[in-house]
Every structure is written in C-alpha cells, then in structure tokens.
Amino acid sequence: MTIGETTAFPPCTIWLTGLSAAGKTTIAHALAGALAGKGMACEVLDGDLVRQTLCRDLGFSREDRSENVRRVAQRCRQLNAEGVVAIAALVSPYRDDRDRARETVGNDRFVEVFVSTPLAVCEARDPKGLYKKARAGQLANLTGVGDVYEVPLAPELTIDTSLQTTDAAVEAVLRVIGGRAAA
C-alpha cells in the first residue's frame, strides 16, 4: 500500500514509542497527513504537546510518566470511540505502562510501533539539547541516559529512522493498519 492509495481504516491508536529524537513526532505528523489525505479524521498526541496541555501538572518521575501514559491512553480511547485515529508519539519508556495503554485502548485497536533509532543517532540529532544536558549532569532521568528504556517485546512494527525514510515508515504503518482492517 502506498501513501496515495485510498483505503479506509477503522479507528485505532498508533502508539509510537522510542527514545527522544528517534523520529516519533516526524512519523506521527507525516502519518496524520497521509490519513487526512484519505479523508480520515486523526489526531496527533505528541509527548511535548500533551505535557503542555493534558499533562501539564506532571513531571518526569516514574509515577508521573506512568500517569502521563495513562491519560494519553484514555484520550486515545475517547478519540477512537468518536471514529478518530489517534497517533500517540511518546517516549513511554516502561513496558508495563505501554501494556496498560493497550488494555485501555483495547488490543484490537492498539498498534505499537517501536521507533528503534539507536541512542547514538538520537544523541547526534538532539534537537532540544536534552542529551547534552543529561551528559553534563544538568538533566536527571533522561530516558536512555539517566533512566531505562524498556524495549517492546512484540511490537506490531519496528522502525529505525536512521535506516528508513519517513515516507517508508508511514507506508509500513499504513500496511500494518490496513492488514488489521482486512482481517
């Protein structure tokens, strides 16, 4: 399936998880554009944006990160119930939080996409200077440096943006959700 093909997908949640600067938000917005081009309603829930709105009262402790994921999963479930494709682009570093997000949304509507871009590539990109601050000891608990990232055990899709273009990543996601629609 290519980006230009016309196919309707049932409302679902695409959960993009990976390190900061892995390419989650870039993929999310490109995917939203492709879906909108097919006439589908979709909403991107980007980690930075939800921390300014839905989760502005939360920090970066393990508990706060878990609550962040819980709130986003609830919003995704609401969007799906309204017929909207939800695209969540969150670091969401803990496997059990992502599993709970899947349960909240519903396994049949949840598509976990692991953006597996290597840490060295993410650090080289570092658009917000987070890795530089973490390495200098100015930022504690940055995932991949001061805190763990628990790799998904069985994601529906794995994408490495150091090896794949954004268009190729979007096409891969569309194939996965298209395959689910056909099943």
N, C-alpha and C. Protein backbone atom coordinates (compact mmCIF):
# COMPACT_ATOMS: atom_id res chain seq x y z
N MET A 1 0.85 -1.17 0.00
CA MET A 1 0.00 0.00 0.00
C MET A 1 0.89 1.23 0.00
N THR A 2 0.62 2.15 -0.87
CA THR A 2 1.40 3.39 -0.92
C THR A 2 0.61 4.52 -0.30
N ILE A 3 1.28 5.59 -0.01
CA ILE A 3 0.65 6.71 0.67
C ILE A 3 -0.54 7.24 -0.11
N GLY A 4 -0.48 7.23 -1.42
CA GLY A 4 -1.56 7.80 -2.22
C GLY A 4 -2.80 6.94 -2.38
N GLU A 5 -2.74 5.64 -2.03
CA GLU A 5 -3.90 4.77 -2.20
C GLU A 5 -5.04 5.18 -1.27
N THR A 6 -6.25 4.92 -1.72
CA THR A 6 -7.42 5.25 -0.91
C THR A 6 -7.89 3.99 -0.19
N THR A 7 -7.84 4.02 1.11
CA THR A 7 -8.31 2.93 1.93
C THR A 7 -8.82 3.52 3.23
N ALA A 8 -9.95 3.05 3.69
CA ALA A 8 -10.45 3.49 4.99
C ALA A 8 -10.01 2.50 6.05
N PHE A 9 -9.55 3.02 7.15
CA PHE A 9 -9.12 2.18 8.26
C PHE A 9 -10.10 2.39 9.40
N PRO A 10 -10.35 1.35 10.18
CA PRO A 10 -11.18 1.56 11.36
C PRO A 10 -10.42 2.44 12.36
N PRO A 11 -11.15 3.13 13.23
CA PRO A 11 -10.45 3.96 14.21
C PRO A 11 -9.54 3.08 15.06
N CYS A 12 -8.32 3.53 15.23
CA CYS A 12 -7.34 2.78 16.01
C CYS A 12 -6.39 3.76 16.66
N THR A 13 -5.50 3.24 17.47
CA THR A 13 -4.45 4.04 18.10
C THR A 13 -3.11 3.53 17.63
N ILE A 14 -2.35 4.41 17.03
CA ILE A 14 -0.97 4.11 16.64
C ILE A 14 -0.10 4.67 17.76
N TRP A 15 0.58 3.81 18.49
CA TRP A 15 1.40 4.23 19.63
C TRP A 15 2.86 4.15 19.24
N LEU A 16 3.46 5.30 18.93
CA LEU A 16 4.87 5.39 18.56
C LEU A 16 5.70 5.58 19.82
N THR A 17 6.58 4.64 20.11
CA THR A 17 7.40 4.69 21.31
C THR A 17 8.87 4.57 20.93
N GLY A 18 9.72 5.25 21.68
CA GLY A 18 11.16 5.21 21.42
C GLY A 18 11.82 6.38 22.12
N LEU A 19 13.12 6.46 22.00
CA LEU A 19 13.89 7.50 22.66
C LEU A 19 13.56 8.89 22.13
N SER A 20 13.92 9.88 22.92
CA SER A 20 13.80 11.27 22.46
C SER A 20 14.66 11.44 21.21
N ALA A 21 14.14 12.12 20.21
CA ALA A 21 14.81 12.38 18.93
C ALA A 21 14.92 11.15 18.03
N ALA A 22 14.13 10.12 18.33
CA ALA A 22 14.14 8.91 17.49
C ALA A 22 13.40 9.12 16.17
N GLY A 23 12.48 10.10 16.14
CA GLY A 23 11.71 10.35 14.93
C GLY A 23 10.22 10.10 15.08
N LYS A 24 9.76 9.91 16.31
CA LYS A 24 8.35 9.60 16.56
C LYS A 24 7.41 10.70 16.08
N THR A 25 7.71 11.93 16.43
CA THR A 25 6.84 13.05 16.06
C THR A 25 6.84 13.28 14.56
N THR A 26 7.98 13.15 13.93
CA THR A 26 8.06 13.31 12.48
C THR A 26 7.18 12.28 11.78
N ILE A 27 7.27 11.03 12.22
CA ILE A 27 6.44 9.97 11.65
C ILE A 27 4.97 10.26 11.94
N ALA A 28 4.67 10.67 13.17
CA ALA A 28 3.28 10.92 13.57
C ALA A 28 2.63 11.97 12.67
N HIS A 29 3.31 13.07 12.43
CA HIS A 29 2.73 14.13 11.60
C HIS A 29 2.63 13.72 10.13
N ALA A 30 3.61 12.99 9.64
CA ALA A 30 3.54 12.51 8.26
C ALA A 30 2.41 11.50 8.10
N LEU A 31 2.23 10.64 9.10
CA LEU A 31 1.15 9.66 9.09
C LEU A 31 -0.20 10.37 9.14
N ALA A 32 -0.31 11.39 9.99
CA ALA A 32 -1.56 12.15 10.08
C ALA A 32 -1.88 12.79 8.73
N GLY A 33 -0.88 13.31 8.05
CA GLY A 33 -1.09 13.89 6.73
C GLY A 33 -1.57 12.85 5.73
N ALA A 34 -0.97 11.67 5.77
CA ALA A 34 -1.38 10.60 4.86
C ALA A 34 -2.82 10.16 5.14
N LEU A 35 -3.18 10.03 6.39
CA LEU A 35 -4.54 9.62 6.75
C LEU A 35 -5.55 10.72 6.40
N ALA A 36 -5.21 11.95 6.66
CA ALA A 36 -6.09 13.07 6.30
C ALA A 36 -6.30 13.10 4.80
N GLY A 37 -5.25 12.78 4.04
CA GLY A 37 -5.36 12.71 2.59
C GLY A 37 -6.32 11.63 2.12
N LYS A 38 -6.57 10.66 2.96
CA LYS A 38 -7.53 9.59 2.66
C LYS A 38 -8.92 9.94 3.21
N GLY A 39 -9.05 11.17 3.75
CA GLY A 39 -10.33 11.60 4.28
C GLY A 39 -10.62 11.09 5.68
N MET A 40 -9.60 10.64 6.38
CA MET A 40 -9.80 10.09 7.72
C MET A 40 -9.49 11.13 8.78
N ALA A 41 -10.32 11.17 9.80
CA ALA A 41 -10.08 12.05 10.94
C ALA A 41 -8.99 11.43 11.81
N CYS A 42 -8.02 12.25 12.19
CA CYS A 42 -6.96 11.76 13.06
C CYS A 42 -6.47 12.89 13.95
N GLU A 43 -5.85 12.51 15.04
CA GLU A 43 -5.27 13.49 15.96
C GLU A 43 -3.94 12.97 16.46
N VAL A 44 -2.93 13.85 16.45
CA VAL A 44 -1.61 13.52 16.96
C VAL A 44 -1.53 13.97 18.41
N LEU A 45 -1.11 13.06 19.27
CA LEU A 45 -0.86 13.37 20.68
C LEU A 45 0.64 13.23 20.89
N ASP A 46 1.34 14.32 20.67
CA ASP A 46 2.79 14.37 20.78
C ASP A 46 3.18 14.57 22.25
N GLY A 47 4.24 13.91 22.66
CA GLY A 47 4.68 13.99 24.05
C GLY A 47 4.88 15.41 24.55
N ASP A 48 5.52 16.26 23.77
CA ASP A 48 5.74 17.64 24.19
C ASP A 48 4.43 18.40 24.31
N LEU A 49 3.55 18.20 23.34
CA LEU A 49 2.27 18.90 23.35
C LEU A 49 1.39 18.47 24.52
N VAL A 50 1.30 17.16 24.77
CA VAL A 50 0.44 16.72 25.86
C VAL A 50 0.99 17.15 27.21
N ARG A 51 2.28 17.35 27.31
CA ARG A 51 2.86 17.84 28.57
C ARG A 51 2.57 19.32 28.78
N GLN A 52 2.17 20.02 27.73
CA GLN A 52 1.77 21.43 27.85
C GLN A 52 0.27 21.57 28.05
N THR A 53 -0.48 20.50 27.83
CA THR A 53 -1.94 20.58 27.90
C THR A 53 -2.47 19.53 28.88
N LEU A 54 -2.75 18.36 28.38
CA LEU A 54 -3.37 17.28 29.13
C LEU A 54 -2.59 16.88 30.38
N CYS A 55 -1.27 16.99 30.33
CA CYS A 55 -0.42 16.51 31.42
C CYS A 55 0.52 17.59 31.97
N ARG A 56 0.10 18.83 31.90
CA ARG A 56 0.98 19.94 32.30
C ARG A 56 1.35 19.91 33.79
N ASP A 57 0.58 19.18 34.59
CA ASP A 57 0.85 19.10 36.03
C ASP A 57 1.83 17.98 36.39
N LEU A 58 2.36 17.29 35.40
CA LEU A 58 3.21 16.13 35.67
C LEU A 58 4.69 16.42 35.41
N GLY A 59 5.53 15.76 36.17
CA GLY A 59 6.98 15.84 35.98
C GLY A 59 7.47 14.60 35.26
N PHE A 60 8.69 14.16 35.61
CA PHE A 60 9.30 13.04 34.91
C PHE A 60 9.70 11.89 35.84
N SER A 61 9.10 11.85 37.03
CA SER A 61 9.31 10.69 37.89
C SER A 61 8.65 9.48 37.24
N ARG A 62 8.98 8.31 37.71
CA ARG A 62 8.35 7.10 37.15
C ARG A 62 6.82 7.17 37.30
N GLU A 63 6.36 7.64 38.44
CA GLU A 63 4.91 7.74 38.68
C GLU A 63 4.27 8.74 37.72
N ASP A 64 4.92 9.87 37.54
CA ASP A 64 4.38 10.89 36.63
C ASP A 64 4.39 10.40 35.19
N ARG A 65 5.44 9.69 34.80
CA ARG A 65 5.49 9.15 33.44
C ARG A 65 4.35 8.15 33.23
N SER A 66 4.10 7.33 34.25
CA SER A 66 3.01 6.35 34.15
C SER A 66 1.66 7.05 34.04
N GLU A 67 1.48 8.10 34.81
CA GLU A 67 0.23 8.85 34.74
C GLU A 67 0.08 9.54 33.38
N ASN A 68 1.17 10.04 32.84
CA ASN A 68 1.16 10.65 31.51
C ASN A 68 0.65 9.64 30.47
N VAL A 69 1.19 8.44 30.50
CA VAL A 69 0.78 7.39 29.56
C VAL A 69 -0.68 7.03 29.78
N ARG A 70 -1.10 6.93 31.04
CA ARG A 70 -2.49 6.59 31.35
C ARG A 70 -3.45 7.62 30.76
N ARG A 71 -3.13 8.89 30.96
CA ARG A 71 -4.01 9.95 30.46
C ARG A 71 -4.07 9.95 28.93
N VAL A 72 -2.93 9.77 28.30
CA VAL A 72 -2.91 9.74 26.84
C VAL A 72 -3.69 8.54 26.32
N ALA A 73 -3.54 7.39 26.97
CA ALA A 73 -4.28 6.20 26.54
C ALA A 73 -5.78 6.43 26.67
N GLN A 74 -6.21 7.07 27.75
CA GLN A 74 -7.64 7.38 27.92
C GLN A 74 -8.12 8.29 26.79
N ARG A 75 -7.32 9.29 26.45
CA ARG A 75 -7.69 10.21 25.37
C ARG A 75 -7.75 9.46 24.03
N CYS A 76 -6.80 8.57 23.80
CA CYS A 76 -6.81 7.77 22.57
C CYS A 76 -8.08 6.94 22.48
N ARG A 77 -8.45 6.33 23.59
CA ARG A 77 -9.68 5.53 23.62
C ARG A 77 -10.91 6.38 23.28
N GLN A 78 -10.96 7.58 23.85
CA GLN A 78 -12.07 8.50 23.55
C GLN A 78 -12.09 8.86 22.06
N LEU A 79 -10.93 9.18 21.52
CA LEU A 79 -10.85 9.54 20.10
C LEU A 79 -11.31 8.39 19.22
N ASN A 80 -10.86 7.17 19.54
CA ASN A 80 -11.28 6.01 18.75
C ASN A 80 -12.79 5.83 18.82
N ALA A 81 -13.37 6.03 20.00
CA ALA A 81 -14.83 5.90 20.16
C ALA A 81 -15.57 6.94 19.31
N GLU A 82 -14.91 8.06 19.04
CA GLU A 82 -15.50 9.11 18.21
C GLU A 82 -15.22 8.90 16.72
N GLY A 83 -14.55 7.79 16.38
CA GLY A 83 -14.24 7.50 14.99
C GLY A 83 -12.95 8.12 14.49
N VAL A 84 -12.10 8.55 15.41
CA VAL A 84 -10.86 9.24 15.06
C VAL A 84 -9.67 8.30 15.27
N VAL A 85 -8.72 8.33 14.34
CA VAL A 85 -7.46 7.61 14.50
C VAL A 85 -6.58 8.45 15.42
N ALA A 86 -6.13 7.87 16.52
CA ALA A 86 -5.24 8.55 17.46
C ALA A 86 -3.80 8.12 17.15
N ILE A 87 -2.91 9.10 17.10
CA ILE A 87 -1.50 8.82 16.87
C ILE A 87 -0.73 9.39 18.05
N ALA A 88 -0.30 8.51 18.95
CA ALA A 88 0.44 8.93 20.15
C ALA A 88 1.93 8.78 19.87
N ALA A 89 2.67 9.86 20.08
CA ALA A 89 4.12 9.85 19.90
C ALA A 89 4.75 10.21 21.24
N LEU A 90 5.03 9.18 22.02
CA LEU A 90 5.54 9.36 23.39
C LEU A 90 6.74 8.46 23.62
N VAL A 91 7.71 8.94 24.39
CA VAL A 91 8.81 8.08 24.77
C VAL A 91 8.25 6.83 25.45
N SER A 92 7.33 7.00 26.37
CA SER A 92 6.69 5.90 27.13
C SER A 92 7.69 4.77 27.38
N PRO A 93 8.65 5.02 28.28
CA PRO A 93 9.79 4.11 28.41
C PRO A 93 9.52 2.77 29.09
N TYR A 94 8.40 2.66 29.81
CA TYR A 94 8.18 1.46 30.61
C TYR A 94 7.17 0.52 29.96
N ARG A 95 7.58 -0.72 29.81
CA ARG A 95 6.77 -1.74 29.14
C ARG A 95 5.41 -1.92 29.80
N ASP A 96 5.37 -1.94 31.14
CA ASP A 96 4.09 -2.16 31.81
C ASP A 96 3.12 -1.01 31.56
N ASP A 97 3.62 0.22 31.42
CA ASP A 97 2.74 1.35 31.09
C ASP A 97 2.17 1.19 29.68
N ARG A 98 3.01 0.77 28.74
CA ARG A 98 2.51 0.57 27.37
C ARG A 98 1.51 -0.58 27.33
N ASP A 99 1.75 -1.62 28.13
CA ASP A 99 0.78 -2.73 28.21
C ASP A 99 -0.56 -2.25 28.75
N ARG A 100 -0.53 -1.40 29.77
CA ARG A 100 -1.77 -0.84 30.31
C ARG A 100 -2.45 0.07 29.29
N ALA A 101 -1.67 0.80 28.52
CA ALA A 101 -2.25 1.63 27.46
C ALA A 101 -2.97 0.75 26.45
N ARG A 102 -2.37 -0.36 26.09
CA ARG A 102 -3.00 -1.32 25.16
C ARG A 102 -4.32 -1.83 25.75
N GLU A 103 -4.32 -2.17 27.03
CA GLU A 103 -5.55 -2.63 27.68
C GLU A 103 -6.62 -1.54 27.68
N THR A 104 -6.22 -0.32 27.95
CA THR A 104 -7.17 0.81 28.00
C THR A 104 -7.81 1.04 26.65
N VAL A 105 -7.00 1.08 25.61
CA VAL A 105 -7.49 1.34 24.25
C VAL A 105 -8.23 0.11 23.72
N GLY A 106 -7.73 -1.06 24.03
CA GLY A 106 -8.27 -2.31 23.50
C GLY A 106 -7.27 -2.91 22.53
N ASN A 107 -6.93 -4.15 22.72
CA ASN A 107 -5.91 -4.81 21.90
C ASN A 107 -6.23 -4.74 20.41
N ASP A 108 -7.51 -4.83 20.05
CA ASP A 108 -7.88 -4.82 18.64
C ASP A 108 -7.71 -3.45 17.99
N ARG A 109 -7.56 -2.41 18.77
CA ARG A 109 -7.40 -1.05 18.22
C ARG A 109 -6.00 -0.48 18.45
N PHE A 110 -5.13 -1.19 19.13
CA PHE A 110 -3.83 -0.67 19.55
C PHE A 110 -2.73 -1.22 18.66
N VAL A 111 -1.95 -0.33 18.07
CA VAL A 111 -0.83 -0.72 17.22
C VAL A 111 0.43 -0.09 17.80
N GLU A 112 1.28 -0.92 18.39
CA GLU A 112 2.53 -0.43 18.97
C GLU A 112 3.61 -0.40 17.90
N VAL A 113 4.20 0.77 17.71
CA VAL A 113 5.28 0.95 16.75
C VAL A 113 6.52 1.37 17.54
N PHE A 114 7.52 0.52 17.53
CA PHE A 114 8.78 0.81 18.22
C PHE A 114 9.69 1.55 17.24
N VAL A 115 9.97 2.80 17.55
CA VAL A 115 10.90 3.59 16.75
C VAL A 115 12.27 3.34 17.38
N SER A 116 12.99 2.40 16.79
CA SER A 116 14.18 1.81 17.41
C SER A 116 15.49 2.51 17.05
N THR A 117 15.42 3.74 16.63
CA THR A 117 16.61 4.50 16.25
C THR A 117 17.65 4.43 17.38
N PRO A 118 18.89 4.08 17.05
CA PRO A 118 19.91 3.91 18.08
C PRO A 118 20.17 5.20 18.89
N LEU A 119 20.54 5.01 20.15
CA LEU A 119 20.83 6.12 21.05
C LEU A 119 21.86 7.08 20.44
N ALA A 120 22.92 6.55 19.83
CA ALA A 120 23.96 7.42 19.26
C ALA A 120 23.38 8.35 18.20
N VAL A 121 22.45 7.86 17.40
CA VAL A 121 21.81 8.68 16.36
C VAL A 121 20.92 9.73 17.02
N CYS A 122 20.16 9.33 18.02
CA CYS A 122 19.29 10.27 18.74
C CYS A 122 20.13 11.37 19.39
N GLU A 123 21.24 10.99 20.00
CA GLU A 123 22.12 11.98 20.63
C GLU A 123 22.73 12.92 19.60
N ALA A 124 23.08 12.42 18.43
CA ALA A 124 23.64 13.27 17.39
C ALA A 124 22.60 14.27 16.89
N ARG A 125 21.34 13.87 16.85
CA ARG A 125 20.27 14.77 16.42
C ARG A 125 20.01 15.82 17.50
N ASP A 126 19.70 15.36 18.69
CA ASP A 126 19.47 16.16 19.90
C ASP A 126 18.90 17.57 19.64
N PRO A 127 17.73 17.68 19.01
CA PRO A 127 17.20 18.99 18.64
C PRO A 127 16.89 19.91 19.82
N LYS A 128 16.63 19.33 20.98
CA LYS A 128 16.29 20.15 22.16
C LYS A 128 17.46 20.28 23.12
N GLY A 129 18.58 19.65 22.81
CA GLY A 129 19.74 19.71 23.69
C GLY A 129 19.61 18.89 24.96
N LEU A 130 18.65 17.95 24.97
CA LEU A 130 18.40 17.15 26.17
C LEU A 130 19.56 16.21 26.50
N TYR A 131 20.09 15.55 25.48
CA TYR A 131 21.18 14.61 25.72
C TYR A 131 22.42 15.34 26.20
N LYS A 132 22.68 16.49 25.62
CA LYS A 132 23.84 17.30 26.03
C LYS A 132 23.70 17.68 27.50
N LYS A 133 22.49 18.12 27.90
CA LYS A 133 22.25 18.49 29.30
C LYS A 133 22.39 17.27 30.21
N ALA A 134 21.85 16.13 29.78
CA ALA A 134 21.92 14.92 30.59
C ALA A 134 23.36 14.47 30.77
N ARG A 135 24.15 14.50 29.71
CA ARG A 135 25.55 14.09 29.78
C ARG A 135 26.37 15.04 30.66
N ALA A 136 25.94 16.30 30.74
CA ALA A 136 26.63 17.30 31.57
C ALA A 136 26.14 17.28 33.02
N GLY A 137 25.18 16.38 33.32
CA GLY A 137 24.66 16.28 34.68
C GLY A 137 23.63 17.35 35.02
N GLN A 138 23.12 18.04 34.01
CA GLN A 138 22.15 19.12 34.23
C GLN A 138 20.70 18.64 34.10
N LEU A 139 20.51 17.41 33.68
CA LEU A 139 19.17 16.87 33.48
C LEU A 139 19.17 15.42 33.95
N ALA A 140 18.44 15.17 35.03
CA ALA A 140 18.39 13.81 35.57
C ALA A 140 17.27 13.02 34.89
N ASN A 141 17.40 11.74 34.88
CA ASN A 141 16.36 10.80 34.44
C ASN A 141 15.99 10.88 32.97
N LEU A 142 16.86 11.38 32.11
CA LEU A 142 16.54 11.36 30.69
C LEU A 142 16.60 9.91 30.22
N THR A 143 15.53 9.47 29.58
CA THR A 143 15.45 8.10 29.11
C THR A 143 16.62 7.81 28.16
N GLY A 144 17.30 6.71 28.40
CA GLY A 144 18.44 6.30 27.58
C GLY A 144 19.77 6.73 28.17
N VAL A 145 19.74 7.73 29.07
CA VAL A 145 20.97 8.20 29.70
C VAL A 145 20.88 7.99 31.22
N GLY A 146 19.91 8.62 31.88
CA GLY A 146 19.77 8.50 33.32
C GLY A 146 18.63 7.60 33.75
N ASP A 147 17.89 7.09 32.80
CA ASP A 147 16.77 6.20 33.09
C ASP A 147 16.69 5.16 31.97
N VAL A 148 16.07 4.05 32.27
CA VAL A 148 15.99 2.94 31.31
C VAL A 148 14.91 3.19 30.27
N TYR A 149 15.09 2.55 29.13
CA TYR A 149 14.03 2.41 28.14
C TYR A 149 13.84 0.92 27.96
N GLU A 150 12.65 0.44 28.26
CA GLU A 150 12.34 -0.98 28.14
C GLU A 150 11.80 -1.24 26.73
N VAL A 151 12.61 -1.91 25.95
CA VAL A 151 12.28 -2.19 24.56
C VAL A 151 11.02 -3.05 24.47
N PRO A 152 10.08 -2.70 23.58
CA PRO A 152 8.89 -3.54 23.41
C PRO A 152 9.28 -4.97 23.04
N LEU A 153 8.57 -5.94 23.60
CA LEU A 153 8.86 -7.34 23.32
C LEU A 153 8.23 -7.83 22.03
N ALA A 154 7.05 -7.31 21.69
CA ALA A 154 6.35 -7.79 20.49
C ALA A 154 5.56 -6.65 19.83
N PRO A 155 6.26 -5.60 19.41
CA PRO A 155 5.53 -4.52 18.74
C PRO A 155 4.99 -4.99 17.40
N GLU A 156 3.92 -4.36 16.95
CA GLU A 156 3.38 -4.70 15.64
C GLU A 156 4.34 -4.28 14.53
N LEU A 157 5.19 -3.30 14.82
CA LEU A 157 6.11 -2.78 13.81
C LEU A 157 7.32 -2.17 14.50
N THR A 158 8.50 -2.34 13.90
CA THR A 158 9.74 -1.69 14.36
C THR A 158 10.29 -0.87 13.21
N ILE A 159 10.63 0.38 13.52
CA ILE A 159 11.15 1.31 12.52
C ILE A 159 12.43 1.94 13.07
N ASP A 160 13.48 1.96 12.27
CA ASP A 160 14.73 2.64 12.62
C ASP A 160 14.87 3.80 11.65
N THR A 161 14.67 5.01 12.14
CA THR A 161 14.70 6.18 11.23
C THR A 161 16.10 6.52 10.75
N SER A 162 17.12 5.85 11.27
CA SER A 162 18.46 6.06 10.70
C SER A 162 18.63 5.21 9.44
N LEU A 163 17.70 4.27 9.22
CA LEU A 163 17.78 3.38 8.06
C LEU A 163 16.59 3.53 7.12
N GLN A 164 15.49 4.11 7.60
CA GLN A 164 14.25 4.23 6.83
C GLN A 164 13.86 5.68 6.68
N THR A 165 13.36 6.03 5.52
CA THR A 165 12.84 7.38 5.32
C THR A 165 11.50 7.52 6.04
N THR A 166 11.08 8.75 6.22
CA THR A 166 9.78 9.00 6.83
C THR A 166 8.68 8.41 5.96
N ASP A 167 8.75 8.60 4.65
CA ASP A 167 7.73 8.04 3.76
C ASP A 167 7.66 6.52 3.87
N ALA A 168 8.81 5.87 3.94
CA ALA A 168 8.83 4.41 4.07
C ALA A 168 8.22 3.98 5.41
N ALA A 169 8.50 4.75 6.46
CA ALA A 169 7.94 4.44 7.78
C ALA A 169 6.42 4.58 7.75
N VAL A 170 5.93 5.65 7.13
CA VAL A 170 4.48 5.85 7.03
C VAL A 170 3.84 4.72 6.23
N GLU A 171 4.43 4.34 5.13
CA GLU A 171 3.89 3.25 4.32
C GLU A 171 3.85 1.95 5.12
N ALA A 172 4.88 1.71 5.94
CA ALA A 172 4.90 0.50 6.76
C ALA A 172 3.76 0.51 7.79
N VAL A 173 3.52 1.66 8.41
CA VAL A 173 2.41 1.76 9.38
C VAL A 173 1.08 1.54 8.66
N LEU A 174 0.91 2.16 7.50
CA LEU A 174 -0.33 2.00 6.74
C LEU A 174 -0.57 0.54 6.36
N ARG A 175 0.50 -0.19 6.03
CA ARG A 175 0.36 -1.62 5.71
C ARG A 175 -0.13 -2.39 6.94
N VAL A 176 0.43 -2.07 8.10
CA VAL A 176 0.03 -2.77 9.32
C VAL A 176 -1.44 -2.50 9.63
N ILE A 177 -1.84 -1.24 9.62
CA ILE A 177 -3.25 -0.96 9.96
C ILE A 177 -4.19 -1.41 8.85
N GLY A 178 -3.70 -1.41 7.62
CA GLY A 178 -4.51 -1.93 6.52
C GLY A 178 -4.69 -3.42 6.63
N GLY A 179 -3.66 -4.13 7.08
CA GLY A 179 -3.77 -5.57 7.30
C GLY A 179 -4.74 -5.90 8.41
N ARG A 180 -4.78 -5.09 9.41
CA ARG A 180 -5.73 -5.30 10.51
C ARG A 180 -7.15 -5.06 10.03
N ALA A 181 -7.33 -4.05 9.18
CA ALA A 181 -8.67 -3.73 8.68
C ALA A 181 -9.20 -4.87 7.82
N ALA A 182 -8.29 -5.53 7.08
CA ALA A 182 -8.69 -6.61 6.18
C ALA A 182 -8.97 -7.91 6.93
N ALA A 183 -8.41 -8.03 8.14
CA ALA A 183 -8.55 -9.28 8.91
C ALA A 183 -9.94 -9.45 9.49
